[in-house]
PDB file of N, CA and C in Angstrom:
ATOM      1  N   UNK A   1      88.244  79.562  47.049  1.00  0.00           N
ATOM      2  CA  UNK A   1      89.562  78.395  47.196  1.00  0.00           C
ATOM      3  C   UNK A   1      90.786  79.379  47.223  1.00  0.00           C
ATOM      4  N   UNK A   2      91.486  79.075  47.750  1.00  0.00           N
ATOM      5  CA  UNK A   2      92.940  79.653  47.930  1.00  0.00           C
ATOM      6  C   UNK A   2      93.958  78.006  47.363  1.00  0.00           C
ATOM      7  N   UNK A   3      94.722  78.224  46.661  1.00  0.00           N
ATOM      8  CA  UNK A   3      95.615  77.174  46.377  1.00  0.00           C
ATOM      9  C   UNK A   3      96.802  77.643  46.747  1.00  0.00           C
ATOM     10  N   UNK A   4      97.598  76.981  47.862  1.00  0.00           N
ATOM     11  CA  UNK A   4      99.027  77.231  48.144  1.00  0.00           C
ATOM     12  C   UNK A   4      99.852  75.963  47.567  1.00  0.00           C
ATOM     13  N   UNK A   5     101.017  76.769  46.915  1.00  0.00           N
ATOM     14  CA  UNK A   5     101.929  76.196  46.190  1.00  0.00           C
ATOM     15  C   UNK A   5     103.328  76.441  46.535  1.00  0.00           C
ATOM     16  N   UNK A   6     104.355  75.751  46.288  1.00  0.00           N
ATOM     17  CA  UNK A   6     105.668  76.109  46.691  1.00  0.00           C
ATOM     18  C   UNK A   6     106.215  76.382  45.632  1.00  0.00           C
ATOM     19  N   UNK A   7     106.673  77.643  45.274  1.00  0.00           N
ATOM     20  CA  UNK A   7     107.520  78.176  43.938  1.00  0.00           C
ATOM     21  C   UNK A   7     106.690  78.733  43.075  1.00  0.00           C
ATOM     22  N   UNK A   8     107.383  79.979  42.331  1.00  0.00           N
ATOM     23  CA  UNK A   8     106.737  80.623  41.409  1.00  0.00           C
ATOM     24  C   UNK A   8     106.440  79.611  40.300  1.00  0.00           C
ATOM     25  N   UNK A   9     107.537  78.532  40.016  1.00  0.00           N
ATOM     26  CA  UNK A   9     107.001  77.831  38.839  1.00  0.00           C
ATOM     27  C   UNK A   9     105.465  76.884  38.898  1.00  0.00           C
ATOM     28  N   UNK A  10     105.534  76.407  40.061  1.00  0.00           N
ATOM     29  CA  UNK A  10     104.318  75.623  40.369  1.00  0.00           C
ATOM     30  C   UNK A  10     102.994  76.721  40.052  1.00  0.00           C
ATOM     31  N   UNK A  11     103.182  77.940  40.780  1.00  0.00           N
ATOM     32  CA  UNK A  11     102.263  79.088  40.700  1.00  0.00           C
ATOM     33  C   UNK A  11     101.649  79.379  39.193  1.00  0.00           C
ATOM     34  N   UNK A  12     102.659  79.358  38.390  1.00  0.00           N
ATOM     35  CA  UNK A  12     102.537  79.740  37.179  1.00  0.00           C
ATOM     36  C   UNK A  12     101.801  78.797  36.230  1.00  0.00           C
ATOM     37  N   UNK A  13     102.185  77.516  36.603  1.00  0.00           N
ATOM     38  CA  UNK A  13     101.379  76.358  36.327  1.00  0.00           C
ATOM     39  C   UNK A  13     100.139  76.178  35.828  1.00  0.00           C
ATOM     40  N   UNK A  14      99.609  76.208  37.517  1.00  0.00           N
ATOM     41  CA  UNK A  14      98.110  76.196  37.789  1.00  0.00           C
ATOM     42  C   UNK A  14      97.570  77.468  37.555  1.00  0.00           C
ATOM     43  N   UNK A  15      97.801  78.517  36.850  1.00  0.00           N
ATOM     44  CA  UNK A  15      97.056  79.508  36.825  1.00  0.00           C
ATOM     45  C   UNK A  15      95.576  79.664  36.043  1.00  0.00           C
ATOM     46  N   UNK A  16      95.491  78.166  35.847  1.00  0.00           N
ATOM     47  CA  UNK A  16      94.225  77.989  34.991  1.00  0.00           C
ATOM     48  C   UNK A  16      92.600  77.659  36.056  1.00  0.00           C
ATOM     49  N   UNK A  17      93.579  77.278  37.179  1.00  0.00           N
ATOM     50  CA  UNK A  17      92.509  77.114  38.270  1.00  0.00           C
ATOM     51  C   UNK A  17      91.851  78.098  38.710  1.00  0.00           C
ATOM     52  N   UNK A  18      90.270  77.907  39.455  1.00  0.00           N
ATOM     53  CA  UNK A  18      89.623  79.243  39.566  1.00  0.00           C
ATOM     54  C   UNK A  18      90.265  79.246  41.306  1.00  0.00           C
ATOM     55  N   UNK A  19      90.042  80.759  41.688  1.00  0.00           N
ATOM     56  CA  UNK A  19      90.513  80.973  43.201  1.00  0.00           C
ATOM     57  C   UNK A  19      91.674  81.592  43.106  1.00  0.00           C
ATOM     58  N   UNK A  20      92.375  82.143  44.507  1.00  0.00           N
ATOM     59  CA  UNK A  20      93.448  82.745  44.181  1.00  0.00           C
ATOM     60  C   UNK A  20      94.604  81.465  44.678  1.00  0.00           C
ATOM     61  N   UNK A  21      95.641  82.048  44.092  1.00  0.00           N
ATOM     62  CA  UNK A  21      96.991  81.022  44.120  1.00  0.00           C
ATOM     63  C   UNK A  21      98.206  82.170  45.141  1.00  0.00           C
ATOM     64  N   UNK A  22      98.511  81.358  46.089  1.00  0.00           N
ATOM     65  CA  UNK A  22      99.262  81.879  47.189  1.00  0.00           C
ATOM     66  C   UNK A  22     100.937  80.914  46.978  1.00  0.00           C
ATOM     67  N   UNK A  23     101.526  81.798  46.585  1.00  0.00           N
ATOM     68  CA  UNK A  23     103.005  81.375  46.261  1.00  0.00           C
ATOM     69  C   UNK A  23     103.745  81.284  47.588  1.00  0.00           C
ATOM     70  N   UNK A  24     104.105  79.956  48.143  1.00  0.00           N
ATOM     71  CA  UNK A  24     105.053  80.166  49.353  1.00  0.00           C
ATOM     72  C   UNK A  24     106.362  80.013  48.837  1.00  0.00           C
ATOM     73  N   UNK A  25     107.052  80.622  49.357  1.00  0.00           N
ATOM     74  CA  UNK A  25     108.682  80.655  48.911  1.00  0.00           C
ATOM     75  C   UNK A  25     109.292  80.668  50.236  1.00  0.00           C
ATOM     76  N   UNK A  26     109.776  79.269  50.607  1.00  0.00           N
ATOM     77  CA  UNK A  26     110.223  78.978  51.936  1.00  0.00           C
ATOM     78  C   UNK A  26     111.536  78.063  51.287  1.00  0.00           C
ATOM     79  N   UNK A  27     112.583  78.303  52.062  1.00  0.00           N
ATOM     80  CA  UNK A  27     113.834  77.725  51.707  1.00  0.00           C
ATOM     81  C   UNK A  27     114.601  76.684  52.781  1.00  0.00           C
ATOM     82  N   UNK A  28     113.349  76.097  53.696  1.00  0.00           N
ATOM     83  CA  UNK A  28     113.865  74.800  54.743  1.00  0.00           C
ATOM     84  C   UNK A  28     114.197  73.817  53.607  1.00  0.00           C
ATOM     85  N   UNK A  29     113.861  73.272  52.413  1.00  0.00           N
ATOM     86  CA  UNK A  29     114.421  72.244  51.854  1.00  0.00           C
ATOM     87  C   UNK A  29     116.026  72.922  51.093  1.00  0.00           C
ATOM     88  N   UNK A  30     116.489  73.764  51.497  1.00  0.00           N
ATOM     89  CA  UNK A  30     117.437  74.448  50.629  1.00  0.00           C
ATOM     90  C   UNK A  30     118.915  74.378  51.835  1.00  0.00           C
ATOM     91  N   UNK A  31     119.881  73.405  51.523  1.00  0.00           N
ATOM     92  CA  UNK A  31     120.864  73.582  52.450  1.00  0.00           C
ATOM     93  C   UNK A  31     120.986  72.817  53.651  1.00  0.00           C
ATOM     94  N   UNK A  32     121.759  72.666  54.597  1.00  0.00           N
ATOM     95  CA  UNK A  32     121.805  71.806  55.569  1.00  0.00           C
ATOM     96  C   UNK A  32     120.631  72.126  56.859  1.00  0.00           C
ATOM     97  N   UNK A  33     120.438  70.852  57.123  1.00  0.00           N
ATOM     98  CA  UNK A  33     119.521  70.612  58.437  1.00  0.00           C
ATOM     99  C   UNK A  33     119.976  69.404  59.311  1.00  0.00           C
ATOM    100  N   UNK A  34     119.723  69.678  60.636  1.00  0.00           N
ATOM    101  CA  UNK A  34     120.215  68.805  61.501  1.00  0.00           C
ATOM    102  C   UNK A  34     119.113  68.777  62.569  1.00  0.00           C
ATOM    103  N   UNK A  35     118.920  67.305  62.939  1.00  0.00           N
ATOM    104  CA  UNK A  35     117.640  67.539  64.184  1.00  0.00           C
ATOM    105  C   UNK A  35     118.575  67.452  65.544  1.00  0.00           C
ATOM    106  N   UNK A  36     119.540  67.022  65.660  1.00  0.00           N
ATOM    107  CA  UNK A  36     120.336  66.981  67.288  1.00  0.00           C
ATOM    108  C   UNK A  36     121.112  68.073  67.776  1.00  0.00           C
ATOM    109  N   UNK A  37     120.357  69.480  67.087  1.00  0.00           N
ATOM    110  CA  UNK A  37     121.053  70.788  67.631  1.00  0.00           C
ATOM    111  C   UNK A  37     119.806  71.663  68.411  1.00  0.00           C
ATOM    112  N   UNK A  38     120.419  72.401  68.967  1.00  0.00           N
ATOM    113  CA  UNK A  38     119.085  73.425  69.634  1.00  0.00           C
ATOM    114  C   UNK A  38     118.711  74.270  68.331  1.00  0.00           C
ATOM    115  N   UNK A  39     117.779  74.902  68.972  1.00  0.00           N
ATOM    116  CA  UNK A  39     117.046  75.764  67.918  1.00  0.00           C
ATOM    117  C   UNK A  39     118.081  77.021  67.543  1.00  0.00           C
ATOM    118  N   UNK A  40     118.479  77.443  68.664  1.00  0.00           N
ATOM    119  CA  UNK A  40     119.495  78.668  68.448  1.00  0.00           C
ATOM    120  C   UNK A  40     120.801  78.368  67.549  1.00  0.00           C
ATOM    121  N   UNK A  41     121.081  77.240  67.597  1.00  0.00           N
ATOM    122  CA  UNK A  41     122.129  76.892  66.791  1.00  0.00           C
ATOM    123  C   UNK A  41     121.996  76.405  65.450  1.00  0.00           C
ATOM    124  N   UNK A  42     120.653  76.101  65.025  1.00  0.00           N
ATOM    125  CA  UNK A  42     119.979  75.532  63.907  1.00  0.00           C
ATOM    126  C   UNK A  42     119.770  76.865  63.173  1.00  0.00           C
ATOM    127  N   UNK A  43     119.244  77.981  63.921  1.00  0.00           N
ATOM    128  CA  UNK A  43     118.807  79.180  63.448  1.00  0.00           C
ATOM    129  C   UNK A  43     120.060  79.879  63.102  1.00  0.00           C
ATOM    130  N   UNK A  44     121.156  79.921  63.558  1.00  0.00           N
ATOM    131  CA  UNK A  44     122.641  80.221  63.009  1.00  0.00           C
ATOM    132  C   UNK A  44     123.143  79.652  62.148  1.00  0.00           C
ATOM    133  N   UNK A  45     123.182  78.476  61.920  1.00  0.00           N
ATOM    134  CA  UNK A  45     123.515  77.565  60.783  1.00  0.00           C
ATOM    135  C   UNK A  45     122.841  78.013  59.650  1.00  0.00           C
ATOM    136  N   UNK A  46     121.785  77.966  59.832  1.00  0.00           N
ATOM    137  CA  UNK A  46     120.702  78.274  58.452  1.00  0.00           C
ATOM    138  C   UNK A  46     121.214  79.683  58.099  1.00  0.00           C
ATOM    139  N   UNK A  47     121.455  80.639  58.812  1.00  0.00           N
ATOM    140  CA  UNK A  47     121.430  81.969  58.518  1.00  0.00           C
ATOM    141  C   UNK A  47     122.857  82.231  57.791  1.00  0.00           C
ATOM    142  N   UNK A  48     123.937  81.442  58.411  1.00  0.00           N
ATOM    143  CA  UNK A  48     125.468  81.762  57.726  1.00  0.00           C
ATOM    144  C   UNK A  48     125.304  80.960  56.353  1.00  0.00           C
ATOM    145  N   UNK A  49     124.781  79.852  55.951  1.00  0.00           N
ATOM    146  CA  UNK A  49     124.560  79.148  55.097  1.00  0.00           C
ATOM    147  C   UNK A  49     123.583  80.256  54.001  1.00  0.00           C
ATOM    148  N   UNK A  50     122.532  80.706  54.449  1.00  0.00           N
ATOM    149  CA  UNK A  50     121.995  81.730  53.251  1.00  0.00           C
ATOM    150  C   UNK A  50     122.709  82.987  53.034  1.00  0.00           C
ATOM    151  N   UNK A  51     123.199  83.448  53.734  1.00  0.00           N
ATOM    152  CA  UNK A  51     124.314  84.529  53.697  1.00  0.00           C
ATOM    153  C   UNK A  51     125.301  84.221  52.599  1.00  0.00           C
ATOM    154  N   UNK A  52     125.672  83.218  52.551  1.00  0.00           N
ATOM    155  CA  UNK A  52     126.963  82.620  51.596  1.00  0.00           C
ATOM    156  C   UNK A  52     125.918  82.734  50.108  1.00  0.00           C
ATOM    157  N   UNK A  53     124.669  82.607  49.787  1.00  0.00           N
ATOM    158  CA  UNK A  53     123.972  82.312  48.664  1.00  0.00           C
ATOM    159  C   UNK A  53     123.608  83.666  47.903  1.00  0.00           C
TER     160      UNK A  53
END
């Protein structure tokens, strides 16, 4: 069994479960998002935002 979790905090908390734990560290939920722009513009905006962090 592989348990896929979002973030190290959750991964550390479920360490008692049997099987492997895969910590997914995705930052899509961090920063600006927009549905009305092209993929190229979206990538550009995300990159600029994340470079400031």
